[in-house]
Amino acid sequence: MKNKILVHIFGIVLVATVQIGMLPTWPSPVDTLNLMLCVATLVVIMHPAHIALLWALLGGILLDVYSALPFGTITISLFLAVMVT
């Protein structure tokens, strides 16, 4: 169980790093893609709900740290998207 959670945490950090560091430098249709939202929605479909909530919470906090929006905006939106899905 701990190994699976560590793999998911590594995946969250990887997706956040790609979204923060690489996506803004790509061409126009791709630079505005919310990769964390896409992956969190995919995790909802493929894994139990507690894993999807882990993705939404930790991924949102990581993206909120580097965002110009008020802190918690991305976390709340990811959390709501996971709950609705």
PDB file of N, CA and C in Angstrom:
ATOM      1  N   MET A   1       0.811  -1.192   0.000  1.00  0.00           N
ATOM      2  CA  MET A   1       0.000   0.000   0.000  1.00  0.00           C
ATOM      3  C   MET A   1       0.860   1.265   0.000  1.00  0.00           C
ATOM      4  N   LYS A   2       1.917   1.259   0.810  1.00  0.00           N
ATOM      5  CA  LYS A   2       2.784   2.437   0.872  1.00  0.00           C
ATOM      6  C   LYS A   2       3.504   2.657  -0.454  1.00  0.00           C
ATOM      7  N   ASN A   3       3.894   1.563  -1.124  1.00  0.00           N
ATOM      8  CA  ASN A   3       4.563   1.703  -2.413  1.00  0.00           C
ATOM      9  C   ASN A   3       3.651   2.339  -3.440  1.00  0.00           C
ATOM     10  N   LYS A   4       2.379   1.958  -3.433  1.00  0.00           N
ATOM     11  CA  LYS A   4       1.438   2.529  -4.391  1.00  0.00           C
ATOM     12  C   LYS A   4       1.249   4.024  -4.140  1.00  0.00           C
ATOM     13  N   ILE A   5       1.169   4.408  -2.885  1.00  0.00           N
ATOM     14  CA  ILE A   5       0.995   5.831  -2.569  1.00  0.00           C
ATOM     15  C   ILE A   5       2.245   6.612  -2.954  1.00  0.00           C
ATOM     16  N   LEU A   6       3.418   6.036  -2.731  1.00  0.00           N
ATOM     17  CA  LEU A   6       4.650   6.717  -3.138  1.00  0.00           C
ATOM     18  C   LEU A   6       4.724   6.871  -4.653  1.00  0.00           C
ATOM     19  N   VAL A   7       4.269   5.871  -5.390  1.00  0.00           N
ATOM     20  CA  VAL A   7       4.239   5.970  -6.854  1.00  0.00           C
ATOM     21  C   VAL A   7       3.289   7.083  -7.287  1.00  0.00           C
ATOM     22  N   HIS A   8       2.141   7.186  -6.625  1.00  0.00           N
ATOM     23  CA  HIS A   8       1.192   8.244  -6.958  1.00  0.00           C
ATOM     24  C   HIS A   8       1.751   9.622  -6.608  1.00  0.00           C
ATOM     25  N   ILE A   9       2.431   9.741  -5.486  1.00  0.00           N
ATOM     26  CA  ILE A   9       3.033  11.026  -5.124  1.00  0.00           C
ATOM     27  C   ILE A   9       4.108  11.416  -6.134  1.00  0.00           C
ATOM     28  N   PHE A  10       4.904  10.455  -6.575  1.00  0.00           N
ATOM     29  CA  PHE A  10       5.907  10.728  -7.612  1.00  0.00           C
ATOM     30  C   PHE A  10       5.218  11.175  -8.904  1.00  0.00           C
ATOM     31  N   GLY A  11       4.114  10.538  -9.251  1.00  0.00           N
ATOM     32  CA  GLY A  11       3.366  10.928 -10.448  1.00  0.00           C
ATOM     33  C   GLY A  11       2.798  12.335 -10.329  1.00  0.00           C
ATOM     34  N   ILE A  12       2.316  12.695  -9.154  1.00  0.00           N
ATOM     35  CA  ILE A  12       1.773  14.040  -8.934  1.00  0.00           C
ATOM     36  C   ILE A  12       2.871  15.082  -9.134  1.00  0.00           C
ATOM     37  N   VAL A  13       4.025  14.833  -8.547  1.00  0.00           N
ATOM     38  CA  VAL A  13       5.143  15.770  -8.684  1.00  0.00           C
ATOM     39  C   VAL A  13       5.588  15.852 -10.142  1.00  0.00           C
ATOM     40  N   LEU A  14       5.619  14.736 -10.836  1.00  0.00           N
ATOM     41  CA  LEU A  14       6.022  14.723 -12.245  1.00  0.00           C
ATOM     42  C   LEU A  14       5.048  15.513 -13.104  1.00  0.00           C
ATOM     43  N   VAL A  15       3.752  15.282 -12.926  1.00  0.00           N
ATOM     44  CA  VAL A  15       2.743  15.997 -13.723  1.00  0.00           C
ATOM     45  C   VAL A  15       2.782  17.487 -13.408  1.00  0.00           C
ATOM     46  N   ALA A  16       2.932  17.854 -12.137  1.00  0.00           N
ATOM     47  CA  ALA A  16       3.005  19.272 -11.771  1.00  0.00           C
ATOM     48  C   ALA A  16       4.243  19.926 -12.373  1.00  0.00           C
ATOM     49  N   THR A  17       5.355  19.214 -12.375  1.00  0.00           N
ATOM     50  CA  THR A  17       6.581  19.758 -12.959  1.00  0.00           C
ATOM     51  C   THR A  17       6.431  19.969 -14.459  1.00  0.00           C
ATOM     52  N   VAL A  18       5.821  19.021 -15.136  1.00  0.00           N
ATOM     53  CA  VAL A  18       5.602  19.172 -16.578  1.00  0.00           C
ATOM     54  C   VAL A  18       4.663  20.341 -16.846  1.00  0.00           C
ATOM     55  N   GLN A  19       3.597  20.467 -16.058  1.00  0.00           N
ATOM     56  CA  GLN A  19       2.649  21.551 -16.288  1.00  0.00           C
ATOM     57  C   GLN A  19       3.259  22.915 -15.991  1.00  0.00           C
ATOM     58  N   ILE A  20       4.073  23.010 -14.969  1.00  0.00           N
ATOM     59  CA  ILE A  20       4.658  24.301 -14.602  1.00  0.00           C
ATOM     60  C   ILE A  20       5.848  24.647 -15.486  1.00  0.00           C
ATOM     61  N   GLY A  21       6.694  23.665 -15.767  1.00  0.00           N
ATOM     62  CA  GLY A  21       7.950  23.958 -16.431  1.00  0.00           C
ATOM     63  C   GLY A  21       7.987  23.779 -17.929  1.00  0.00           C
ATOM     64  N   MET A  22       7.186  22.870 -18.465  1.00  0.00           N
ATOM     65  CA  MET A  22       7.315  22.556 -19.881  1.00  0.00           C
ATOM     66  C   MET A  22       6.139  23.029 -20.733  1.00  0.00           C
ATOM     67  N   LEU A  23       4.918  22.895 -20.244  1.00  0.00           N
ATOM     68  CA  LEU A  23       3.755  23.231 -21.067  1.00  0.00           C
ATOM     69  C   LEU A  23       3.704  24.692 -21.507  1.00  0.00           C
ATOM     70  N   PRO A  24       4.097  25.667 -20.690  1.00  0.00           N
ATOM     71  CA  PRO A  24       4.032  27.058 -21.169  1.00  0.00           C
ATOM     72  C   PRO A  24       4.949  27.356 -22.352  1.00  0.00           C
ATOM     73  N   THR A  25       5.933  26.523 -22.613  1.00  0.00           N
ATOM     74  CA  THR A  25       6.860  26.783 -23.712  1.00  0.00           C
ATOM     75  C   THR A  25       6.427  26.116 -25.014  1.00  0.00           C
ATOM     76  N   TRP A  26       5.379  25.323 -24.991  1.00  0.00           N
ATOM     77  CA  TRP A  26       4.913  24.642 -26.197  1.00  0.00           C
ATOM     78  C   TRP A  26       4.008  25.549 -27.015  1.00  0.00           C
ATOM     79  N   PRO A  27       3.670  25.154 -28.253  1.00  0.00           N
ATOM     80  CA  PRO A  27       2.822  26.003 -29.109  1.00  0.00           C
ATOM     81  C   PRO A  27       1.444  26.271 -28.505  1.00  0.00           C
ATOM     82  N   SER A  28       0.720  27.160 -29.146  1.00  0.00           N
ATOM     83  CA  SER A  28      -0.497  27.755 -28.606  1.00  0.00           C
ATOM     84  C   SER A  28      -1.593  26.806 -28.121  1.00  0.00           C
ATOM     85  N   PRO A  29      -2.021  25.788 -28.820  1.00  0.00           N
ATOM     86  CA  PRO A  29      -3.119  25.006 -28.255  1.00  0.00           C
ATOM     87  C   PRO A  29      -2.713  24.208 -27.017  1.00  0.00           C
ATOM     88  N   VAL A  30      -1.455  23.873 -26.886  1.00  0.00           N
ATOM     89  CA  VAL A  30      -1.012  23.002 -25.806  1.00  0.00           C
ATOM     90  C   VAL A  30      -0.612  23.802 -24.557  1.00  0.00           C
ATOM     91  N   ASP A  31      -0.205  25.038 -24.721  1.00  0.00           N
ATOM     92  CA  ASP A  31       0.315  25.788 -23.571  1.00  0.00           C
ATOM     93  C   ASP A  31      -0.746  26.123 -22.531  1.00  0.00           C
ATOM     94  N   THR A  32      -2.017  26.070 -22.881  1.00  0.00           N
ATOM     95  CA  THR A  32      -3.078  26.355 -21.917  1.00  0.00           C
ATOM     96  C   THR A  32      -3.735  25.092 -21.360  1.00  0.00           C
ATOM     97  N   LEU A  33      -3.205  23.938 -21.690  1.00  0.00           N
ATOM     98  CA  LEU A  33      -3.765  22.668 -21.223  1.00  0.00           C
ATOM     99  C   LEU A  33      -3.575  22.528 -19.711  1.00  0.00           C
ATOM    100  N   ASN A  34      -4.638  22.130 -19.028  1.00  0.00           N
ATOM    101  CA  ASN A  34      -4.548  21.860 -17.593  1.00  0.00           C
ATOM    102  C   ASN A  34      -4.294  20.359 -17.439  1.00  0.00           C
ATOM    103  N   LEU A  35      -3.032  20.002 -17.447  1.00  0.00           N
ATOM    104  CA  LEU A  35      -2.632  18.603 -17.421  1.00  0.00           C
ATOM    105  C   LEU A  35      -3.037  17.918 -16.129  1.00  0.00           C
ATOM    106  N   MET A  36      -2.963  18.617 -15.010  1.00  0.00           N
ATOM    107  CA  MET A  36      -3.326  18.014 -13.726  1.00  0.00           C
ATOM    108  C   MET A  36      -4.815  17.664 -13.700  1.00  0.00           C
ATOM    109  N   LEU A  37      -5.654  18.504 -14.276  1.00  0.00           N
ATOM    110  CA  LEU A  37      -7.083  18.217 -14.328  1.00  0.00           C
ATOM    111  C   LEU A  37      -7.355  16.993 -15.188  1.00  0.00           C
ATOM    112  N   CYS A  38      -6.672  16.894 -16.325  1.00  0.00           N
ATOM    113  CA  CYS A  38      -6.844  15.726 -17.196  1.00  0.00           C
ATOM    114  C   CYS A  38      -6.413  14.440 -16.495  1.00  0.00           C
ATOM    115  N   VAL A  39      -5.282  14.472 -15.841  1.00  0.00           N
ATOM    116  CA  VAL A  39      -4.769  13.281 -15.173  1.00  0.00           C
ATOM    117  C   VAL A  39      -5.621  12.931 -13.954  1.00  0.00           C
ATOM    118  N   ALA A  40      -6.081  13.939 -13.217  1.00  0.00           N
ATOM    119  CA  ALA A  40      -6.937  13.669 -12.054  1.00  0.00           C
ATOM    120  C   ALA A  40      -8.252  13.041 -12.488  1.00  0.00           C
ATOM    121  N   THR A  41      -8.801  13.488 -13.601  1.00  0.00           N
ATOM    122  CA  THR A  41     -10.024  12.881 -14.128  1.00  0.00           C
ATOM    123  C   THR A  41      -9.773  11.443 -14.561  1.00  0.00           C
ATOM    124  N   LEU A  42      -8.638  11.176 -15.154  1.00  0.00           N
ATOM    125  CA  LEU A  42      -8.282   9.815 -15.542  1.00  0.00           C
ATOM    126  C   LEU A  42      -8.089   8.928 -14.313  1.00  0.00           C
ATOM    127  N   VAL A  43      -7.503   9.470 -13.258  1.00  0.00           N
ATOM    128  CA  VAL A  43      -7.303   8.702 -12.030  1.00  0.00           C
ATOM    129  C   VAL A  43      -8.636   8.359 -11.383  1.00  0.00           C
ATOM    130  N   VAL A  44      -9.622   9.258 -11.477  1.00  0.00           N
ATOM    131  CA  VAL A  44     -10.956   8.972 -10.944  1.00  0.00           C
ATOM    132  C   VAL A  44     -11.540   7.740 -11.614  1.00  0.00           C
ATOM    133  N   ILE A  45     -11.317   7.612 -12.894  1.00  0.00           N
ATOM    134  CA  ILE A  45     -11.884   6.495 -13.653  1.00  0.00           C
ATOM    135  C   ILE A  45     -11.151   5.192 -13.342  1.00  0.00           C
ATOM    136  N   MET A  46      -9.844   5.257 -13.142  1.00  0.00           N
ATOM    137  CA  MET A  46      -9.036   4.044 -13.048  1.00  0.00           C
ATOM    138  C   MET A  46      -8.740   3.563 -11.631  1.00  0.00           C
ATOM    139  N   HIS A  47      -8.858   4.424 -10.620  1.00  0.00           N
ATOM    140  CA  HIS A  47      -8.461   4.079  -9.261  1.00  0.00           C
ATOM    141  C   HIS A  47      -9.573   4.396  -8.266  1.00  0.00           C
ATOM    142  N   PRO A  48      -9.443   3.934  -7.018  1.00  0.00           N
ATOM    143  CA  PRO A  48     -10.457   4.259  -5.994  1.00  0.00           C
ATOM    144  C   PRO A  48     -10.518   5.768  -5.707  1.00  0.00           C
ATOM    145  N   ALA A  49     -11.592   6.156  -5.048  1.00  0.00           N
ATOM    146  CA  ALA A  49     -11.841   7.580  -4.809  1.00  0.00           C
ATOM    147  C   ALA A  49     -10.765   8.221  -3.934  1.00  0.00           C
ATOM    148  N   HIS A  50     -10.237   7.506  -2.946  1.00  0.00           N
ATOM    149  CA  HIS A  50      -9.243   8.135  -2.068  1.00  0.00           C
ATOM    150  C   HIS A  50      -7.947   8.458  -2.817  1.00  0.00           C
ATOM    151  N   ILE A  51      -7.605   7.687  -3.820  1.00  0.00           N
ATOM    152  CA  ILE A  51      -6.414   7.988  -4.629  1.00  0.00           C
ATOM    153  C   ILE A  51      -6.671   9.222  -5.490  1.00  0.00           C
ATOM    154  N   ALA A  52      -7.869   9.324  -6.051  1.00  0.00           N
ATOM    155  CA  ALA A  52      -8.207  10.499  -6.863  1.00  0.00           C
ATOM    156  C   ALA A  52      -8.218  11.766  -6.016  1.00  0.00           C
ATOM    157  N   LEU A  53      -8.697  11.663  -4.780  1.00  0.00           N
ATOM    158  CA  LEU A  53      -8.676  12.827  -3.892  1.00  0.00           C
ATOM    159  C   LEU A  53      -7.252  13.215  -3.510  1.00  0.00           C
ATOM    160  N   LEU A  54      -6.369  12.210  -3.381  1.00  0.00           N
ATOM    161  CA  LEU A  54      -4.956  12.492  -3.136  1.00  0.00           C
ATOM    162  C   LEU A  54      -4.364  13.286  -4.294  1.00  0.00           C
ATOM    163  N   TRP A  55      -4.676  12.881  -5.532  1.00  0.00           N
ATOM    164  CA  TRP A  55      -4.200  13.599  -6.710  1.00  0.00           C
ATOM    165  C   TRP A  55      -4.723  15.027  -6.716  1.00  0.00           C
ATOM    166  N   ALA A  56      -6.008  15.195  -6.410  1.00  0.00           N
ATOM    167  CA  ALA A  56      -6.599  16.535  -6.436  1.00  0.00           C
ATOM    168  C   ALA A  56      -5.990  17.425  -5.356  1.00  0.00           C
ATOM    169  N   LEU A  57      -5.826  16.891  -4.166  1.00  0.00           N
ATOM    170  CA  LEU A  57      -5.325  17.697  -3.053  1.00  0.00           C
ATOM    171  C   LEU A  57      -3.852  18.055  -3.224  1.00  0.00           C
ATOM    172  N   LEU A  58      -3.006  17.059  -3.399  1.00  0.00           N
ATOM    173  CA  LEU A  58      -1.572  17.339  -3.509  1.00  0.00           C
ATOM    174  C   LEU A  58      -1.220  18.052  -4.817  1.00  0.00           C
ATOM    175  N   GLY A  59      -1.863  17.645  -5.900  1.00  0.00           N
ATOM    176  CA  GLY A  59      -1.618  18.321  -7.175  1.00  0.00           C
ATOM    177  C   GLY A  59      -2.068  19.768  -7.143  1.00  0.00           C
ATOM    178  N   GLY A  60      -3.212  20.018  -6.521  1.00  0.00           N
ATOM    179  CA  GLY A  60      -3.699  21.385  -6.408  1.00  0.00           C
ATOM    180  C   GLY A  60      -2.792  22.250  -5.554  1.00  0.00           C
ATOM    181  N   ILE A  61      -2.309  21.695  -4.449  1.00  0.00           N
ATOM    182  CA  ILE A  61      -1.407  22.472  -3.594  1.00  0.00           C
ATOM    183  C   ILE A  61      -0.099  22.786  -4.325  1.00  0.00           C
ATOM    184  N   LEU A  62       0.438  21.819  -5.045  1.00  0.00           N
ATOM    185  CA  LEU A  62       1.678  22.069  -5.796  1.00  0.00           C
ATOM    186  C   LEU A  62       1.471  23.144  -6.858  1.00  0.00           C
ATOM    187  N   LEU A  63       0.342  23.096  -7.555  1.00  0.00           N
ATOM    188  CA  LEU A  63       0.089  24.108  -8.583  1.00  0.00           C
ATOM    189  C   LEU A  63      -0.249  25.464  -7.968  1.00  0.00           C
ATOM    190  N   ASP A  64      -0.884  25.468  -6.797  1.00  0.00           N
ATOM    191  CA  ASP A  64      -1.199  26.728  -6.126  1.00  0.00           C
ATOM    192  C   ASP A  64       0.055  27.469  -5.676  1.00  0.00           C
ATOM    193  N   VAL A  65       1.082  26.747  -5.314  1.00  0.00           N
ATOM    194  CA  VAL A  65       2.325  27.388  -4.871  1.00  0.00           C
ATOM    195  C   VAL A  65       2.922  28.231  -5.994  1.00  0.00           C
ATOM    196  N   TYR A  66       2.793  27.795  -7.236  1.00  0.00           N
ATOM    197  CA  TYR A  66       3.390  28.494  -8.373  1.00  0.00           C
ATOM    198  C   TYR A  66       2.388  29.330  -9.154  1.00  0.00           C
ATOM    199  N   SER A  67       1.172  29.462  -8.671  1.00  0.00           N
ATOM    200  CA  SER A  67       0.139  30.188  -9.389  1.00  0.00           C
ATOM    201  C   SER A  67       0.031  31.621  -8.879  1.00  0.00           C
ATOM    202  N   ALA A  68      -0.429  32.513  -9.754  1.00  0.00           N
ATOM    203  CA  ALA A  68      -0.665  33.900  -9.359  1.00  0.00           C
ATOM    204  C   ALA A  68      -2.067  34.082  -8.786  1.00  0.00           C
ATOM    205  N   LEU A  69      -2.890  33.060  -8.876  1.00  0.00           N
ATOM    206  CA  LEU A  69      -4.242  33.116  -8.330  1.00  0.00           C
ATOM    207  C   LEU A  69      -4.197  33.041  -6.807  1.00  0.00           C
ATOM    208  N   PRO A  70      -5.287  33.409  -6.134  1.00  0.00           N
ATOM    209  CA  PRO A  70      -5.318  33.258  -4.670  1.00  0.00           C
ATOM    210  C   PRO A  70      -5.096  31.799  -4.273  1.00  0.00           C
ATOM    211  N   PHE A  71      -4.375  31.622  -3.176  1.00  0.00           N
ATOM    212  CA  PHE A  71      -4.007  30.266  -2.765  1.00  0.00           C
ATOM    213  C   PHE A  71      -5.249  29.444  -2.452  1.00  0.00           C
ATOM    214  N   GLY A  72      -5.307  28.273  -3.011  1.00  0.00           N
ATOM    215  CA  GLY A  72      -6.419  27.367  -2.791  1.00  0.00           C
ATOM    216  C   GLY A  72      -7.392  27.296  -3.949  1.00  0.00           C
ATOM    217  N   THR A  73      -7.286  28.195  -4.902  1.00  0.00           N
ATOM    218  CA  THR A  73      -8.222  28.219  -6.019  1.00  0.00           C
ATOM    219  C   THR A  73      -8.105  26.956  -6.864  1.00  0.00           C
ATOM    220  N   ILE A  74      -6.908  26.584  -7.214  1.00  0.00           N
ATOM    221  CA  ILE A  74      -6.709  25.400  -8.048  1.00  0.00           C
ATOM    222  C   ILE A  74      -7.037  24.137  -7.258  1.00  0.00           C
ATOM    223  N   THR A  75      -6.688  24.100  -5.988  1.00  0.00           N
ATOM    224  CA  THR A  75      -6.995  22.938  -5.154  1.00  0.00           C
ATOM    225  C   THR A  75      -8.502  22.723  -5.057  1.00  0.00           C
ATOM    226  N   ILE A  76      -9.239  23.785  -4.828  1.00  0.00           N
ATOM    227  CA  ILE A  76     -10.693  23.659  -4.729  1.00  0.00           C
ATOM    228  C   ILE A  76     -11.294  23.234  -6.055  1.00  0.00           C
ATOM    229  N   SER A  77     -10.801  23.790  -7.163  1.00  0.00           N
ATOM    230  CA  SER A  77     -11.363  23.424  -8.462  1.00  0.00           C
ATOM    231  C   SER A  77     -11.056  21.970  -8.819  1.00  0.00           C
ATOM    232  N   LEU A  78      -9.854  21.499  -8.521  1.00  0.00           N
ATOM    233  CA  LEU A  78      -9.530  20.091  -8.775  1.00  0.00           C
ATOM    234  C   LEU A  78     -10.348  19.173  -7.865  1.00  0.00           C
ATOM    235  N   PHE A  79     -10.493  19.564  -6.605  1.00  0.00           N
ATOM    236  CA  PHE A  79     -11.270  18.769  -5.660  1.00  0.00           C
ATOM    237  C   PHE A  79     -12.724  18.657  -6.105  1.00  0.00           C
ATOM    238  N   LEU A  80     -13.312  19.774  -6.546  1.00  0.00           N
ATOM    239  CA  LEU A  80     -14.691  19.755  -7.037  1.00  0.00           C
ATOM    240  C   LEU A  80     -14.821  18.927  -8.317  1.00  0.00           C
ATOM    241  N   ALA A  81     -13.846  19.034  -9.202  1.00  0.00           N
ATOM    242  CA  ALA A  81     -13.899  18.241 -10.436  1.00  0.00           C
ATOM    243  C   ALA A  81     -13.833  16.757 -10.152  1.00  0.00           C
ATOM    244  N   VAL A  82     -13.009  16.354  -9.191  1.00  0.00           N
ATOM    245  CA  VAL A  82     -12.911  14.944  -8.825  1.00  0.00           C
ATOM    246  C   VAL A  82     -14.194  14.485  -8.161  1.00  0.00           C
ATOM    247  N   MET A  83     -14.781  15.322  -7.314  1.00  0.00           N
ATOM    248  CA  MET A  83     -16.014  14.938  -6.620  1.00  0.00           C
ATOM    249  C   MET A  83     -17.189  14.807  -7.590  1.00  0.00           C
ATOM    250  N   VAL A  84     -17.249  15.672  -8.596  1.00  0.00           N
ATOM    251  CA  VAL A  84     -18.338  15.625  -9.576  1.00  0.00           C
ATOM    252  C   VAL A  84     -18.165  14.413 -10.499  1.00  0.00           C
ATOM    253  N   THR A  85     -16.927  14.120 -10.849  1.00  0.00           N
ATOM    254  CA  THR A  85     -16.682  12.990 -11.741  1.00  0.00           C
ATOM    255  C   THR A  85     -16.925  11.714 -10.994  1.00  0.00           C
TER     256      THR A  85
END
